[in-house]
C-alpha cells in the first residue's frame, strides 16, 4: 500500500509541476498577442491561467510548509528516540534483571 501511495503522490507532484510550467509558458507566449477587443478568448485564458497560478502557488506554499513541519517533527522524534536510548531506564530498554 505504501508503494501505491508513493506512486500516487509522485504522479500528483508531476501533474502539479507540469500544470504550473504549462500555464506560465502559455502566459509568456501569449503576453503580446493581437487582442481582438472585449471577449478575447486568449485574454480570458490568460486571466484563468493567472488565477490558476495564484491559487496553486498559494497551495504549493502551504504544502511545502506542511512538509517542512512534518519533516521537522520526524527529525525531532528521532532525536528523542536517540536521547531515550542514552538516558533511558532498564525498563524502557526492556532489560530483565534476574537474580
N, C-alpha and C. Protein backbone atom coordinates (compact mmCIF):
# COMPACT_ATOMS: atom_id res chain seq x y z
N UNK A 1 0.82 -1.19 0.00
CA UNK A 1 0.00 0.00 0.00
C UNK A 1 0.86 1.26 0.00
N UNK A 2 2.03 1.17 0.62
CA UNK A 2 2.91 2.33 0.68
C UNK A 2 3.40 2.70 -0.71
N UNK A 3 3.73 1.71 -1.53
CA UNK A 3 4.20 2.00 -2.88
C UNK A 3 3.11 2.64 -3.72
N UNK A 4 1.88 2.24 -3.51
CA UNK A 4 0.76 2.84 -4.24
C UNK A 4 0.61 4.30 -3.85
N UNK A 5 0.74 4.60 -2.56
CA UNK A 5 0.64 5.99 -2.10
C UNK A 5 1.81 6.82 -2.64
N UNK A 6 2.99 6.25 -2.63
CA UNK A 6 4.15 6.97 -3.14
C UNK A 6 4.01 7.24 -4.63
N UNK A 7 3.54 6.26 -5.37
CA UNK A 7 3.35 6.44 -6.81
C UNK A 7 2.29 7.50 -7.08
N UNK A 8 1.21 7.44 -6.33
CA UNK A 8 0.15 8.44 -6.49
C UNK A 8 0.65 9.84 -6.15
N UNK A 9 1.43 9.96 -5.09
CA UNK A 9 1.99 11.26 -4.71
C UNK A 9 2.95 11.76 -5.77
N UNK A 10 3.76 10.87 -6.33
CA UNK A 10 4.70 11.26 -7.38
C UNK A 10 3.96 11.73 -8.64
N UNK A 11 2.93 11.02 -9.03
CA UNK A 11 2.13 11.42 -10.20
C UNK A 11 1.47 12.76 -9.94
N UNK A 12 0.94 12.96 -8.74
CA UNK A 12 0.31 14.22 -8.40
C UNK A 12 1.31 15.38 -8.44
N UNK A 13 2.51 15.16 -7.95
CA UNK A 13 3.56 16.19 -8.00
C UNK A 13 3.95 16.52 -9.43
N UNK A 14 4.08 15.50 -10.26
CA UNK A 14 4.44 15.72 -11.66
C UNK A 14 3.35 16.51 -12.37
N UNK A 15 2.09 16.15 -12.13
CA UNK A 15 0.98 16.87 -12.75
C UNK A 15 0.95 18.32 -12.27
N UNK A 16 1.20 18.54 -10.99
CA UNK A 16 1.21 19.90 -10.45
C UNK A 16 2.32 20.74 -11.08
N UNK A 17 3.51 20.18 -11.18
CA UNK A 17 4.63 20.92 -11.77
C UNK A 17 4.39 21.18 -13.25
N UNK A 18 3.87 20.20 -13.97
CA UNK A 18 3.58 20.40 -15.39
C UNK A 18 2.48 21.45 -15.59
N UNK A 19 1.48 21.46 -14.74
CA UNK A 19 0.42 22.45 -14.84
C UNK A 19 0.97 23.86 -14.62
N UNK A 20 1.81 24.01 -13.61
CA UNK A 20 2.42 25.31 -13.36
C UNK A 20 3.31 25.74 -14.52
N UNK A 21 4.09 24.80 -15.05
CA UNK A 21 5.01 25.14 -16.15
C UNK A 21 4.25 25.50 -17.42
N UNK A 22 3.23 24.73 -17.76
CA UNK A 22 2.46 24.99 -18.98
C UNK A 22 1.70 26.31 -18.87
N UNK A 23 1.13 26.58 -17.69
CA UNK A 23 0.41 27.84 -17.50
C UNK A 23 1.34 29.03 -17.63
N UNK A 24 2.50 28.94 -17.00
CA UNK A 24 3.46 30.04 -17.09
C UNK A 24 3.98 30.20 -18.52
N UNK A 25 4.22 29.10 -19.22
CA UNK A 25 4.69 29.18 -20.61
C UNK A 25 3.62 29.78 -21.51
N UNK A 26 2.36 29.42 -21.28
CA UNK A 26 1.28 30.00 -22.10
C UNK A 26 1.17 31.50 -21.88
N UNK A 27 1.26 31.92 -20.63
CA UNK A 27 1.18 33.36 -20.34
C UNK A 27 2.35 34.09 -21.00
N UNK A 28 3.53 33.53 -20.91
CA UNK A 28 4.70 34.18 -21.51
C UNK A 28 4.59 34.22 -23.03
N UNK A 29 4.09 33.15 -23.64
CA UNK A 29 3.99 33.07 -25.10
C UNK A 29 2.93 34.02 -25.64
N UNK A 30 1.79 34.10 -24.96
CA UNK A 30 0.66 34.88 -25.46
C UNK A 30 0.58 36.27 -24.84
N UNK A 31 1.62 36.72 -24.15
CA UNK A 31 1.56 38.02 -23.48
C UNK A 31 1.45 39.17 -24.49
N UNK A 32 2.00 39.02 -25.67
CA UNK A 32 2.00 40.09 -26.67
C UNK A 32 1.20 39.65 -27.90
N UNK A 33 -0.01 39.15 -27.67
CA UNK A 33 -0.83 38.71 -28.80
C UNK A 33 -1.65 39.86 -29.35
N UNK A 34 -2.21 39.69 -30.52
CA UNK A 34 -3.09 40.69 -31.12
C UNK A 34 -4.48 40.50 -30.53
N UNK A 35 -4.83 41.39 -29.65
CA UNK A 35 -6.11 41.27 -28.94
C UNK A 35 -7.24 41.73 -29.86
N UNK A 36 -8.34 41.00 -29.85
CA UNK A 36 -9.49 41.34 -30.69
C UNK A 36 -10.50 42.20 -29.95
N UNK A 37 -10.14 42.72 -28.80
CA UNK A 37 -11.04 43.58 -28.03
C UNK A 37 -11.68 42.81 -26.89
N UNK A 38 -12.90 43.21 -26.56
CA UNK A 38 -13.60 42.53 -25.48
C UNK A 38 -13.95 41.10 -25.91
N UNK A 39 -14.08 40.26 -24.95
CA UNK A 39 -14.38 38.84 -25.16
C UNK A 39 -13.30 38.14 -25.97
N UNK A 40 -12.06 38.56 -25.79
CA UNK A 40 -10.95 37.90 -26.46
C UNK A 40 -10.68 36.57 -25.75
N UNK A 41 -10.75 35.45 -26.47
CA UNK A 41 -10.56 34.15 -25.81
C UNK A 41 -9.14 33.98 -25.24
N UNK A 42 -8.15 34.58 -25.90
CA UNK A 42 -6.78 34.45 -25.39
C UNK A 42 -6.64 35.22 -24.08
N UNK A 43 -7.21 36.41 -24.02
CA UNK A 43 -7.14 37.20 -22.78
C UNK A 43 -7.88 36.49 -21.65
N UNK A 44 -9.01 35.88 -21.95
CA UNK A 44 -9.75 35.14 -20.94
C UNK A 44 -8.95 33.94 -20.44
N UNK A 45 -8.27 33.27 -21.35
CA UNK A 45 -7.43 32.13 -20.97
C UNK A 45 -6.24 32.59 -20.13
N UNK A 46 -5.68 33.73 -20.48
CA UNK A 46 -4.56 34.27 -19.69
C UNK A 46 -5.03 34.60 -18.27
N UNK A 47 -6.21 35.19 -18.15
CA UNK A 47 -6.76 35.51 -16.82
C UNK A 47 -6.99 34.23 -16.02
N UNK A 48 -7.52 33.21 -16.67
CA UNK A 48 -7.75 31.93 -16.00
C UNK A 48 -6.42 31.33 -15.54
N UNK A 49 -5.39 31.39 -16.39
CA UNK A 49 -4.08 30.85 -16.02
C UNK A 49 -3.45 31.64 -14.88
N UNK A 50 -3.64 32.95 -14.87
CA UNK A 50 -3.11 33.76 -13.78
C UNK A 50 -3.78 33.38 -12.46
N UNK A 51 -5.09 33.20 -12.50
CA UNK A 51 -5.81 32.77 -11.29
C UNK A 51 -5.34 31.39 -10.85
N UNK A 52 -5.13 30.50 -11.81
CA UNK A 52 -4.65 29.15 -11.50
C UNK A 52 -3.27 29.20 -10.85
N UNK A 53 -2.38 30.01 -11.39
CA UNK A 53 -1.04 30.12 -10.82
C UNK A 53 -1.08 30.71 -9.42
N UNK A 54 -1.94 31.69 -9.21
CA UNK A 54 -2.05 32.28 -7.87
C UNK A 54 -2.57 31.26 -6.87
N UNK A 55 -3.61 30.53 -7.23
CA UNK A 55 -4.19 29.58 -6.29
C UNK A 55 -3.26 28.39 -6.07
N UNK A 56 -2.66 27.87 -7.14
CA UNK A 56 -1.74 26.75 -6.97
C UNK A 56 -0.45 27.18 -6.29
N UNK A 57 -0.05 28.42 -6.52
CA UNK A 57 1.13 28.92 -5.84
C UNK A 57 0.91 28.98 -4.34
N UNK A 58 -0.26 29.46 -3.93
CA UNK A 58 -0.59 29.50 -2.51
C UNK A 58 -0.70 28.10 -1.94
N UNK A 59 -1.34 27.21 -2.68
CA UNK A 59 -1.46 25.82 -2.23
C UNK A 59 -0.09 25.16 -2.15
N UNK A 60 0.79 25.46 -3.10
CA UNK A 60 2.13 24.89 -3.09
C UNK A 60 2.94 25.39 -1.90
N UNK A 61 2.80 26.67 -1.58
CA UNK A 61 3.49 27.21 -0.41
C UNK A 61 2.97 26.54 0.86
N UNK A 62 1.67 26.36 0.96
CA UNK A 62 1.09 25.70 2.13
C UNK A 62 1.55 24.25 2.22
N UNK A 63 1.61 23.58 1.08
CA UNK A 63 2.04 22.18 1.06
C UNK A 63 3.50 22.03 1.45
N UNK A 64 4.35 22.90 0.92
CA UNK A 64 5.77 22.85 1.28
C UNK A 64 5.95 23.15 2.76
N UNK A 65 5.21 24.12 3.29
CA UNK A 65 5.28 24.44 4.72
C UNK A 65 4.85 23.24 5.55
N UNK A 66 3.79 22.57 5.12
CA UNK A 66 3.32 21.39 5.84
C UNK A 66 4.37 20.30 5.85
N UNK A 67 5.03 20.06 4.70
CA UNK A 67 6.05 19.02 4.65
C UNK A 67 7.27 19.38 5.50
N UNK A 68 7.63 20.68 5.53
CA UNK A 68 8.74 21.08 6.40
C UNK A 68 8.39 20.87 7.86
N UNK A 69 7.16 21.18 8.23
CA UNK A 69 6.74 20.93 9.61
C UNK A 69 6.72 19.44 9.92
N UNK A 70 6.23 18.65 8.97
CA UNK A 70 6.18 17.21 9.16
C UNK A 70 7.58 16.64 9.25
N UNK A 71 8.49 17.09 8.40
CA UNK A 71 9.87 16.63 8.43
C UNK A 71 10.54 17.04 9.73
N UNK A 72 10.26 18.24 10.19
CA UNK A 72 10.83 18.70 11.46
C UNK A 72 10.35 17.86 12.62
N UNK A 73 9.09 17.44 12.59
CA UNK A 73 8.57 16.58 13.64
C UNK A 73 9.24 15.22 13.62
N UNK A 74 9.48 14.68 12.42
CA UNK A 74 10.11 13.36 12.34
C UNK A 74 11.55 13.42 12.82
N UNK A 75 12.27 14.50 12.49
CA UNK A 75 13.64 14.65 12.98
C UNK A 75 13.63 14.81 14.48
N UNK A 76 12.66 15.56 15.00
CA UNK A 76 12.56 15.76 16.43
C UNK A 76 12.27 14.44 17.15
N UNK A 77 11.38 13.63 16.59
CA UNK A 77 11.05 12.35 17.22
C UNK A 77 12.24 11.39 17.17
N UNK A 78 13.01 11.42 16.07
CA UNK A 78 14.20 10.57 16.01
C UNK A 78 15.22 10.98 17.04
N UNK A 79 15.36 12.29 17.23
CA UNK A 79 16.32 12.77 18.21
C UNK A 79 15.88 12.35 19.61
N UNK A 80 14.56 12.38 19.88
CA UNK A 80 14.06 11.94 21.18
C UNK A 80 14.32 10.46 21.39
N UNK A 81 14.18 9.66 20.34
CA UNK A 81 14.45 8.23 20.47
C UNK A 81 15.92 7.98 20.77
N UNK A 82 16.81 8.73 20.12
CA UNK A 82 18.22 8.57 20.40
C UNK A 82 18.54 9.03 21.81
N UNK A 83 17.91 10.09 22.27
CA UNK A 83 18.14 10.58 23.62
C UNK A 83 17.63 9.58 24.63
N UNK A 84 16.48 8.97 24.36
CA UNK A 84 15.96 7.96 25.27
C UNK A 84 16.89 6.75 25.34
N UNK A 85 17.57 6.46 24.25
CA UNK A 85 18.49 5.33 24.27
C UNK A 85 19.63 5.58 25.25
N UNK A 86 20.15 6.80 25.25
CA UNK A 86 21.26 7.09 26.13
C UNK A 86 20.82 7.36 27.56
N UNK A 87 19.63 7.93 27.75
CA UNK A 87 19.18 8.30 29.08
C UNK A 87 17.94 7.52 29.50
N UNK A 88 17.78 6.33 28.99
CA UNK A 88 16.62 5.53 29.33
C UNK A 88 16.84 4.75 30.61
N UNK A 89 15.80 4.03 30.99
CA UNK A 89 15.89 3.15 32.15
C UNK A 89 15.96 1.72 31.66
N UNK A 90 16.22 0.81 32.59
CA UNK A 90 16.28 -0.59 32.22
C UNK A 90 14.92 -1.09 31.74
N UNK A 91 13.85 -0.53 32.30
CA UNK A 91 12.51 -0.92 31.87
C UNK A 91 12.25 -0.43 30.44
N UNK A 92 12.68 0.79 30.13
CA UNK A 92 12.46 1.29 28.78
C UNK A 92 13.31 0.54 27.76
N UNK A 93 14.46 0.02 28.20
CA UNK A 93 15.31 -0.77 27.31
C UNK A 93 14.89 -2.23 27.28
N UNK A 94 13.91 -2.58 28.15
CA UNK A 94 13.37 -3.94 28.27
C UNK A 94 14.46 -4.95 28.65
N UNK A 95 15.22 -4.54 29.65
CA UNK A 95 16.26 -5.42 30.19
C UNK A 95 15.73 -6.03 31.46
N UNK A 96 15.79 -7.32 31.55
CA UNK A 96 15.30 -8.03 32.71
C UNK A 96 16.47 -8.44 33.56
N UNK A 97 16.42 -8.10 34.84
CA UNK A 97 17.47 -8.45 35.77
C UNK A 97 17.04 -9.67 36.58
N UNK A 98 17.66 -10.77 36.31
CA UNK A 98 17.35 -11.99 37.06
C UNK A 98 18.39 -12.17 38.16
N UNK A 99 17.92 -12.57 39.35
CA UNK A 99 18.85 -12.82 40.44
C UNK A 99 19.53 -14.15 40.29
